[in-house]
PDB file of N, CA and C in Angstrom:
ATOM      1  N   UNK A   1      21.202  85.753  -5.574  1.00  0.00           N
ATOM      2  CA  UNK A   1      20.672  86.961  -6.188  1.00  0.00           C
ATOM      3  C   UNK A   1      19.341  86.603  -6.856  1.00  0.00           C
ATOM      4  N   UNK A   2      18.314  87.340  -6.513  1.00  0.00           N
ATOM      5  CA  UNK A   2      17.010  87.023  -7.085  1.00  0.00           C
ATOM      6  C   UNK A   2      16.844  87.661  -8.465  1.00  0.00           C
ATOM      7  N   UNK A   3      15.740  87.338  -9.101  1.00  0.00           N
ATOM      8  CA  UNK A   3      15.479  87.756 -10.475  1.00  0.00           C
ATOM      9  C   UNK A   3      15.414  89.278 -10.609  1.00  0.00           C
ATOM     10  N   UNK A   4      14.817  89.944  -9.641  1.00  0.00           N
ATOM     11  CA  UNK A   4      14.682  91.403  -9.695  1.00  0.00           C
ATOM     12  C   UNK A   4      16.052  92.066  -9.613  1.00  0.00           C
ATOM     13  N   UNK A   5      16.902  91.599  -8.711  1.00  0.00           N
ATOM     14  CA  UNK A   5      18.243  92.168  -8.582  1.00  0.00           C
ATOM     15  C   UNK A   5      19.052  91.960  -9.859  1.00  0.00           C
ATOM     16  N   UNK A   6      18.887  90.805 -10.488  1.00  0.00           N
ATOM     17  CA  UNK A   6      19.598  90.539 -11.736  1.00  0.00           C
ATOM     18  C   UNK A   6      19.132  91.481 -12.845  1.00  0.00           C
ATOM     19  N   UNK A   7      17.834  91.726 -12.923  1.00  0.00           N
ATOM     20  CA  UNK A   7      17.299  92.638 -13.938  1.00  0.00           C
ATOM     21  C   UNK A   7      17.774  94.066 -13.687  1.00  0.00           C
ATOM     22  N   UNK A   8      17.825  94.479 -12.423  1.00  0.00           N
ATOM     23  CA  UNK A   8      18.305  95.821 -12.084  1.00  0.00           C
ATOM     24  C   UNK A   8      19.769  95.955 -12.485  1.00  0.00           C
ATOM     25  N   UNK A   9      20.573  94.935 -12.184  1.00  0.00           N
ATOM     26  CA  UNK A   9      21.984  94.974 -12.537  1.00  0.00           C
ATOM     27  C   UNK A   9      22.159  94.999 -14.058  1.00  0.00           C
ATOM     28  N   UNK A  10      21.339  94.238 -14.772  1.00  0.00           N
ATOM     29  CA  UNK A  10      21.392  94.227 -16.230  1.00  0.00           C
ATOM     30  C   UNK A  10      21.049  95.603 -16.796  1.00  0.00           C
ATOM     31  N   UNK A  11      20.028  96.247 -16.245  1.00  0.00           N
ATOM     32  CA  UNK A  11      19.645  97.585 -16.707  1.00  0.00           C
ATOM     33  C   UNK A  11      20.744  98.604 -16.431  1.00  0.00           C
ATOM     34  N   UNK A  12      21.410  98.482 -15.288  1.00  0.00           N
ATOM     35  CA  UNK A  12      22.518  99.387 -14.975  1.00  0.00           C
ATOM     36  C   UNK A  12      23.669  99.197 -15.958  1.00  0.00           C
ATOM     37  N   UNK A  13      23.952  97.941 -16.313  1.00  0.00           N
ATOM     38  CA  UNK A  13      25.021  97.669 -17.271  1.00  0.00           C
ATOM     39  C   UNK A  13      24.678  98.221 -18.648  1.00  0.00           C
ATOM     40  N   UNK A  14      23.439  98.052 -19.071  1.00  0.00           N
ATOM     41  CA  UNK A  14      23.007  98.570 -20.366  1.00  0.00           C
ATOM     42  C   UNK A  14      23.063 100.091 -20.367  1.00  0.00           C
ATOM     43  N   UNK A  15      22.614 100.700 -19.285  1.00  0.00           N
ATOM     44  CA  UNK A  15      22.654 102.156 -19.170  1.00  0.00           C
ATOM     45  C   UNK A  15      24.089 102.672 -19.222  1.00  0.00           C
ATOM     46  N   UNK A  16      24.986 101.978 -18.539  1.00  0.00           N
ATOM     47  CA  UNK A  16      26.400 102.366 -18.535  1.00  0.00           C
ATOM     48  C   UNK A  16      27.000 102.230 -19.934  1.00  0.00           C
ATOM     49  N   UNK A  17      26.625 101.166 -20.654  1.00  0.00           N
ATOM     50  CA  UNK A  17      27.114 100.968 -22.011  1.00  0.00           C
ATOM     51  C   UNK A  17      26.638 102.097 -22.924  1.00  0.00           C
ATOM     52  N   UNK A  18      25.350 102.429 -22.862  1.00  0.00           N
ATOM     53  CA  UNK A  18      24.827 103.496 -23.708  1.00  0.00           C
ATOM     54  C   UNK A  18      25.440 104.850 -23.355  1.00  0.00           C
ATOM     55  N   UNK A  19      25.697 105.090 -22.081  1.00  0.00           N
ATOM     56  CA  UNK A  19      26.340 106.343 -21.691  1.00  0.00           C
ATOM     57  C   UNK A  19      27.761 106.402 -22.241  1.00  0.00           C
ATOM     58  N   UNK A  20      28.464 105.277 -22.218  1.00  0.00           N
ATOM     59  CA  UNK A  20      29.807 105.216 -22.793  1.00  0.00           C
ATOM     60  C   UNK A  20      29.788 105.477 -24.284  1.00  0.00           C
ATOM     61  N   UNK A  21      28.816 104.885 -24.983  1.00  0.00           N
ATOM     62  CA  UNK A  21      28.668 105.122 -26.421  1.00  0.00           C
ATOM     63  C   UNK A  21      28.394 106.593 -26.680  1.00  0.00           C
ATOM     64  N   UNK A  22      27.470 107.157 -25.934  1.00  0.00           N
ATOM     65  CA  UNK A  22      27.113 108.563 -26.111  1.00  0.00           C
ATOM     66  C   UNK A  22      28.314 109.469 -25.884  1.00  0.00           C
ATOM     67  N   UNK A  23      29.029 109.255 -24.790  1.00  0.00           N
ATOM     68  CA  UNK A  23      30.186 110.092 -24.475  1.00  0.00           C
ATOM     69  C   UNK A  23      31.276 109.975 -25.536  1.00  0.00           C
ATOM     70  N   UNK A  24      31.660 108.739 -25.862  1.00  0.00           N
ATOM     71  CA  UNK A  24      32.766 108.525 -26.791  1.00  0.00           C
ATOM     72  C   UNK A  24      32.424 108.968 -28.209  1.00  0.00           C
ATOM     73  N   UNK A  25      31.269 108.559 -28.692  1.00  0.00           N
ATOM     74  CA  UNK A  25      30.919 108.836 -30.083  1.00  0.00           C
ATOM     75  C   UNK A  25      30.555 110.300 -30.312  1.00  0.00           C
ATOM     76  N   UNK A  26      29.917 110.931 -29.355  1.00  0.00           N
ATOM     77  CA  UNK A  26      29.602 112.349 -29.549  1.00  0.00           C
ATOM     78  C   UNK A  26      30.869 113.194 -29.480  1.00  0.00           C
ATOM     79  N   UNK A  27      31.805 112.837 -28.601  1.00  0.00           N
ATOM     80  CA  UNK A  27      33.068 113.580 -28.523  1.00  0.00           C
ATOM     81  C   UNK A  27      33.894 113.386 -29.792  1.00  0.00           C
ATOM     82  N   UNK A  28      33.855 112.191 -30.346  1.00  0.00           N
ATOM     83  CA  UNK A  28      34.650 111.881 -31.527  1.00  0.00           C
ATOM     84  C   UNK A  28      34.033 112.432 -32.807  1.00  0.00           C
ATOM     85  N   UNK A  29      32.724 112.366 -32.932  1.00  0.00           N
ATOM     86  CA  UNK A  29      32.070 112.624 -34.215  1.00  0.00           C
ATOM     87  C   UNK A  29      31.381 113.979 -34.341  1.00  0.00           C
ATOM     88  N   UNK A  30      31.014 114.584 -33.231  1.00  0.00           N
ATOM     89  CA  UNK A  30      30.244 115.828 -33.301  1.00  0.00           C
ATOM     90  C   UNK A  30      31.037 116.932 -32.619  1.00  0.00           C
ATOM     91  N   UNK A  31      31.568 117.837 -33.435  1.00  0.00           N
ATOM     92  CA  UNK A  31      32.395 118.901 -32.870  1.00  0.00           C
ATOM     93  C   UNK A  31      31.570 120.116 -32.455  1.00  0.00           C
ATOM     94  N   UNK A  32      30.534 120.424 -33.215  1.00  0.00           N
ATOM     95  CA  UNK A  32      29.690 121.580 -32.913  1.00  0.00           C
ATOM     96  C   UNK A  32      28.231 121.197 -33.087  1.00  0.00           C
ATOM     97  N   UNK A  33      27.397 121.786 -32.280  1.00  0.00           N
ATOM     98  CA  UNK A  33      25.956 121.543 -32.375  1.00  0.00           C
ATOM     99  C   UNK A  33      25.291 122.758 -33.013  1.00  0.00           C
ATOM    100  N   UNK A  34      25.665 123.041 -34.258  1.00  0.00           N
ATOM    101  CA  UNK A  34      25.122 124.202 -34.955  1.00  0.00           C
ATOM    102  C   UNK A  34      23.779 123.917 -35.611  1.00  0.00           C
ATOM    103  N   UNK A  35      23.535 122.668 -35.967  1.00  0.00           N
ATOM    104  CA  UNK A  35      22.330 122.313 -36.701  1.00  0.00           C
ATOM    105  C   UNK A  35      21.496 121.317 -35.904  1.00  0.00           C
ATOM    106  N   UNK A  36      20.234 121.239 -36.218  1.00  0.00           N
ATOM    107  CA  UNK A  36      19.345 120.307 -35.537  1.00  0.00           C
ATOM    108  C   UNK A  36      19.580 118.862 -35.926  1.00  0.00           C
ATOM    109  N   UNK A  37      20.050 118.642 -37.144  1.00  0.00           N
ATOM    110  CA  UNK A  37      20.308 117.290 -37.642  1.00  0.00           C
ATOM    111  C   UNK A  37      21.803 117.094 -37.842  1.00  0.00           C
ATOM    112  N   UNK A  38      22.214 115.831 -37.836  1.00  0.00           N
ATOM    113  CA  UNK A  38      23.609 115.517 -38.121  1.00  0.00           C
ATOM    114  C   UNK A  38      23.864 115.674 -39.611  1.00  0.00           C
ATOM    115  N   UNK A  39      25.069 116.167 -39.956  1.00  0.00           N
ATOM    116  CA  UNK A  39      25.415 116.179 -41.370  1.00  0.00           C
ATOM    117  C   UNK A  39      25.892 114.782 -41.758  1.00  0.00           C
ATOM    118  N   UNK A  40      26.180 114.567 -43.024  1.00  0.00           N
ATOM    119  CA  UNK A  40      26.515 113.232 -43.519  1.00  0.00           C
ATOM    120  C   UNK A  40      27.761 112.679 -42.830  1.00  0.00           C
ATOM    121  N   UNK A  41      28.799 113.483 -42.700  1.00  0.00           N
ATOM    122  CA  UNK A  41      30.035 113.022 -42.068  1.00  0.00           C
ATOM    123  C   UNK A  41      29.830 112.630 -40.616  1.00  0.00           C
ATOM    124  N   UNK A  42      29.079 113.443 -39.883  1.00  0.00           N
ATOM    125  CA  UNK A  42      28.792 113.135 -38.482  1.00  0.00           C
ATOM    126  C   UNK A  42      27.969 111.857 -38.360  1.00  0.00           C
ATOM    127  N   UNK A  43      27.004 111.711 -39.241  1.00  0.00           N
ATOM    128  CA  UNK A  43      26.134 110.541 -39.208  1.00  0.00           C
ATOM    129  C   UNK A  43      26.910 109.257 -39.483  1.00  0.00           C
ATOM    130  N   UNK A  44      27.775 109.275 -40.497  1.00  0.00           N
ATOM    131  CA  UNK A  44      28.582 108.099 -40.832  1.00  0.00           C
ATOM    132  C   UNK A  44      29.540 107.780 -39.693  1.00  0.00           C
ATOM    133  N   UNK A  45      30.177 108.799 -39.144  1.00  0.00           N
ATOM    134  CA  UNK A  45      31.109 108.610 -38.032  1.00  0.00           C
ATOM    135  C   UNK A  45      30.396 108.006 -36.826  1.00  0.00           C
ATOM    136  N   UNK A  46      29.252 108.545 -36.484  1.00  0.00           N
ATOM    137  CA  UNK A  46      28.501 108.048 -35.332  1.00  0.00           C
ATOM    138  C   UNK A  46      28.048 106.608 -35.552  1.00  0.00           C
ATOM    139  N   UNK A  47      27.619 106.301 -36.757  1.00  0.00           N
ATOM    140  CA  UNK A  47      27.174 104.938 -37.064  1.00  0.00           C
ATOM    141  C   UNK A  47      28.321 103.940 -36.917  1.00  0.00           C
ATOM    142  N   UNK A  48      29.493 104.287 -37.437  1.00  0.00           N
ATOM    143  CA  UNK A  48      30.659 103.400 -37.313  1.00  0.00           C
ATOM    144  C   UNK A  48      31.103 103.270 -35.865  1.00  0.00           C
ATOM    145  N   UNK A  49      31.077 104.367 -35.150  1.00  0.00           N
ATOM    146  CA  UNK A  49      31.488 104.366 -33.748  1.00  0.00           C
ATOM    147  C   UNK A  49      30.586 103.452 -32.920  1.00  0.00           C
ATOM    148  N   UNK A  50      29.292 103.576 -33.102  1.00  0.00           N
ATOM    149  CA  UNK A  50      28.343 102.739 -32.363  1.00  0.00           C
ATOM    150  C   UNK A  50      28.521 101.277 -32.745  1.00  0.00           C
ATOM    151  N   UNK A  51      28.740 101.008 -34.029  1.00  0.00           N
ATOM    152  CA  UNK A  51      28.940  99.632 -34.479  1.00  0.00           C
ATOM    153  C   UNK A  51      30.179  99.025 -33.817  1.00  0.00           C
ATOM    154  N   UNK A  52      31.270  99.782 -33.728  1.00  0.00           N
ATOM    155  CA  UNK A  52      32.485  99.279 -33.083  1.00  0.00           C
ATOM    156  C   UNK A  52      32.256  99.032 -31.597  1.00  0.00           C
ATOM    157  N   UNK A  53      31.540  99.932 -30.946  1.00  0.00           N
ATOM    158  CA  UNK A  53      31.228  99.750 -29.527  1.00  0.00           C
ATOM    159  C   UNK A  53      30.429  98.472 -29.313  1.00  0.00           C
ATOM    160  N   UNK A  54      29.436  98.244 -30.155  1.00  0.00           N
ATOM    161  CA  UNK A  54      28.588  97.066 -30.000  1.00  0.00           C
ATOM    162  C   UNK A  54      29.369  95.780 -30.267  1.00  0.00           C
ATOM    163  N   UNK A  55      30.245  95.786 -31.274  1.00  0.00           N
ATOM    164  CA  UNK A  55      31.073  94.612 -31.548  1.00  0.00           C
ATOM    165  C   UNK A  55      31.989  94.319 -30.370  1.00  0.00           C
ATOM    166  N   UNK A  56      32.583  95.364 -29.816  1.00  0.00           N
ATOM    167  CA  UNK A  56      33.458  95.198 -28.662  1.00  0.00           C
ATOM    168  C   UNK A  56      32.676  94.680 -27.467  1.00  0.00           C
ATOM    169  N   UNK A  57      31.489  95.226 -27.250  1.00  0.00           N
ATOM    170  CA  UNK A  57      30.646  94.783 -26.143  1.00  0.00           C
ATOM    171  C   UNK A  57      30.310  93.301 -26.276  1.00  0.00           C
ATOM    172  N   UNK A  58      29.979  92.870 -27.501  1.00  0.00           N
ATOM    173  CA  UNK A  58      29.653  91.460 -27.726  1.00  0.00           C
ATOM    174  C   UNK A  58      30.852  90.564 -27.447  1.00  0.00           C
ATOM    175  N   UNK A  59      32.050  91.005 -27.854  1.00  0.00           N
ATOM    176  CA  UNK A  59      33.254  90.208 -27.610  1.00  0.00           C
ATOM    177  C   UNK A  59      33.541  90.096 -26.119  1.00  0.00           C
ATOM    178  N   UNK A  60      33.426  91.205 -25.408  1.00  0.00           N
ATOM    179  CA  UNK A  60      33.658  91.186 -23.964  1.00  0.00           C
ATOM    180  C   UNK A  60      32.619  90.308 -23.280  1.00  0.00           C
ATOM    181  N   UNK A  61      31.380  90.446 -23.692  1.00  0.00           N
ATOM    182  CA  UNK A  61      30.301  89.649 -23.109  1.00  0.00           C
ATOM    183  C   UNK A  61      30.533  88.159 -23.351  1.00  0.00           C
ATOM    184  N   UNK A  62      30.980  87.803 -24.552  1.00  0.00           N
ATOM    185  CA  UNK A  62      31.216  86.389 -24.840  1.00  0.00           C
ATOM    186  C   UNK A  62      32.403  85.857 -24.039  1.00  0.00           C
ATOM    187  N   UNK A  63      33.429  86.680 -23.834  1.00  0.00           N
ATOM    188  CA  UNK A  63      34.566  86.264 -23.005  1.00  0.00           C
ATOM    189  C   UNK A  63      34.122  86.042 -21.569  1.00  0.00           C
ATOM    190  N   UNK A  64      33.294  86.934 -21.072  1.00  0.00           N
ATOM    191  CA  UNK A  64      32.836  86.822 -19.691  1.00  0.00           C
ATOM    192  C   UNK A  64      31.911  85.626 -19.497  1.00  0.00           C
ATOM    193  N   UNK A  65      31.124  85.295 -20.512  1.00  0.00           N
ATOM    194  CA  UNK A  65      30.198  84.171 -20.379  1.00  0.00           C
ATOM    195  C   UNK A  65      30.839  82.845 -20.777  1.00  0.00           C
ATOM    196  N   UNK A  66      32.032  82.899 -21.368  1.00  0.00           N
ATOM    197  CA  UNK A  66      32.746  81.685 -21.726  1.00  0.00           C
ATOM    198  C   UNK A  66      32.385  81.111 -23.078  1.00  0.00           C
ATOM    199  N   UNK A  67      31.661  81.866 -23.919  1.00  0.00           N
ATOM    200  CA  UNK A  67      31.319  81.390 -25.254  1.00  0.00           C
ATOM    201  C   UNK A  67      32.285  81.980 -26.266  1.00  0.00           C
ATOM    202  N   UNK A  68      32.334  81.400 -27.433  1.00  0.00           N
ATOM    203  CA  UNK A  68      33.185  81.893 -28.504  1.00  0.00           C
ATOM    204  C   UNK A  68      32.466  83.015 -29.243  1.00  0.00           C
ATOM    205  N   UNK A  69      33.222  84.007 -29.792  1.00  0.00           N
ATOM    206  CA  UNK A  69      32.576  85.059 -30.582  1.00  0.00           C
ATOM    207  C   UNK A  69      31.805  84.452 -31.752  1.00  0.00           C
ATOM    208  N   UNK A  70      30.613  84.947 -31.978  1.00  0.00           N
ATOM    209  CA  UNK A  70      29.761  84.443 -33.041  1.00  0.00           C
ATOM    210  C   UNK A  70      28.885  83.282 -32.610  1.00  0.00           C
ATOM    211  N   UNK A  71      29.189  82.711 -31.456  1.00  0.00           N
ATOM    212  CA  UNK A  71      28.383  81.605 -30.941  1.00  0.00           C
ATOM    213  C   UNK A  71      27.293  82.192 -30.065  1.00  0.00           C
ATOM    214  N   UNK A  72      26.059  81.908 -30.412  1.00  0.00           N
ATOM    215  CA  UNK A  72      24.926  82.460 -29.677  1.00  0.00           C
ATOM    216  C   UNK A  72      24.772  81.772 -28.329  1.00  0.00           C
ATOM    217  N   UNK A  73      24.395  82.549 -27.323  1.00  0.00           N
ATOM    218  CA  UNK A  73      24.053  81.982 -26.030  1.00  0.00           C
ATOM    219  C   UNK A  73      22.644  81.433 -26.155  1.00  0.00           C
ATOM    220  N   UNK A  74      22.411  80.169 -25.791  1.00  0.00           N
ATOM    221  CA  UNK A  74      21.065  79.599 -25.952  1.00  0.00           C
ATOM    222  C   UNK A  74      20.027  80.402 -25.183  1.00  0.00           C
ATOM    223  N   UNK A  75      18.931  80.689 -25.849  1.00  0.00           N
ATOM    224  CA  UNK A  75      17.847  81.437 -25.226  1.00  0.00           C
ATOM    225  C   UNK A  75      16.586  80.604 -25.307  1.00  0.00           C
ATOM    226  N   UNK A  76      15.638  80.963 -24.468  1.00  0.00           N
ATOM    227  CA  UNK A  76      14.358  80.269 -24.459  1.00  0.00           C
ATOM    228  C   UNK A  76      13.635  80.546 -25.770  1.00  0.00           C
ATOM    229  N   UNK A  77      13.035  79.534 -26.349  1.00  0.00           N
ATOM    230  CA  UNK A  77      12.318  79.681 -27.612  1.00  0.00           C
ATOM    231  C   UNK A  77      11.096  80.569 -27.412  1.00  0.00           C
ATOM    232  N   UNK A  78      10.841  81.487 -28.358  1.00  0.00           N
ATOM    233  CA  UNK A  78       9.659  82.351 -28.223  1.00  0.00           C
ATOM    234  C   UNK A  78       8.379  81.547 -28.394  1.00  0.00           C
ATOM    235  N   UNK A  79       7.351  82.015 -27.727  1.00  0.00           N
ATOM    236  CA  UNK A  79       6.048  81.354 -27.819  1.00  0.00           C
ATOM    237  C   UNK A  79       5.478  81.560 -29.214  1.00  0.00           C
ATOM    238  N   UNK A  80       4.726  80.612 -29.693  1.00  0.00           N
ATOM    239  CA  UNK A  80       4.121  80.707 -31.019  1.00  0.00           C
ATOM    240  C   UNK A  80       3.099  81.838 -31.035  1.00  0.00           C
ATOM    241  N   UNK A  81       3.100  82.592 -32.125  1.00  0.00           N
ATOM    242  CA  UNK A  81       2.159  83.699 -32.264  1.00  0.00           C
ATOM    243  C   UNK A  81       0.761  83.138 -32.479  1.00  0.00           C
ATOM    244  N   UNK A  82      -0.247  83.797 -31.898  1.00  0.00           N
ATOM    245  CA  UNK A  82      -1.616  83.307 -32.105  1.00  0.00           C
ATOM    246  C   UNK A  82      -2.007  83.436 -33.571  1.00  0.00           C
ATOM    247  N   UNK A  83      -2.818  82.507 -34.035  1.00  0.00           N
ATOM    248  CA  UNK A  83      -3.254  82.514 -35.426  1.00  0.00           C
ATOM    249  C   UNK A  83      -4.218  83.667 -35.651  1.00  0.00           C
ATOM    250  N   UNK A  84      -3.972  84.424 -36.725  1.00  0.00           N
ATOM    251  CA  UNK A  84      -4.836  85.560 -37.038  1.00  0.00           C
ATOM    252  C   UNK A  84      -5.924  85.106 -37.995  1.00  0.00           C
ATOM    253  N   UNK A  85      -7.109  85.665 -37.791  1.00  0.00           N
ATOM    254  CA  UNK A  85      -8.240  85.328 -38.643  1.00  0.00           C
ATOM    255  C   UNK A  85      -8.813  86.613 -39.215  1.00  0.00           C
ATOM    256  N   UNK A  86      -9.340  86.541 -40.408  1.00  0.00           N
ATOM    257  CA  UNK A  86      -9.961  87.702 -41.020  1.00  0.00           C
ATOM    258  C   UNK A  86      -8.930  88.629 -41.653  1.00  0.00           C
ATOM    259  N   UNK A  87      -9.288  89.882 -41.778  1.00  0.00           N
ATOM    260  CA  UNK A  87      -8.441  90.861 -42.446  1.00  0.00           C
ATOM    261  C   UNK A  87      -7.300  91.350 -41.582  1.00  0.00           C
ATOM    262  N   UNK A  88      -7.431  91.291 -40.309  1.00  0.00           N
ATOM    263  CA  UNK A  88      -6.436  91.900 -39.439  1.00  0.00           C
ATOM    264  C   UNK A  88      -5.588  90.892 -38.787  1.00  0.00           C
TER     265      UNK A  88
END
């Protein structure tokens, strides 16, 4: 599998995860769309729901990759930021 196919598959998985979050959390937390903004209860519910989904996703991902929960998968070190000069 080449790099492009892997990126496409990764994007599909991320899209599927976000769709699952949207479906589950909106059904659970938002009963009516009467207002443009979420009320406090809806907002708290949605925040907790998304947090639980993300924790579950991380646990499943770590099981699939063979790492322990809380153990980071080694990633490539970011390149050093260029030195800024002057005011900006």
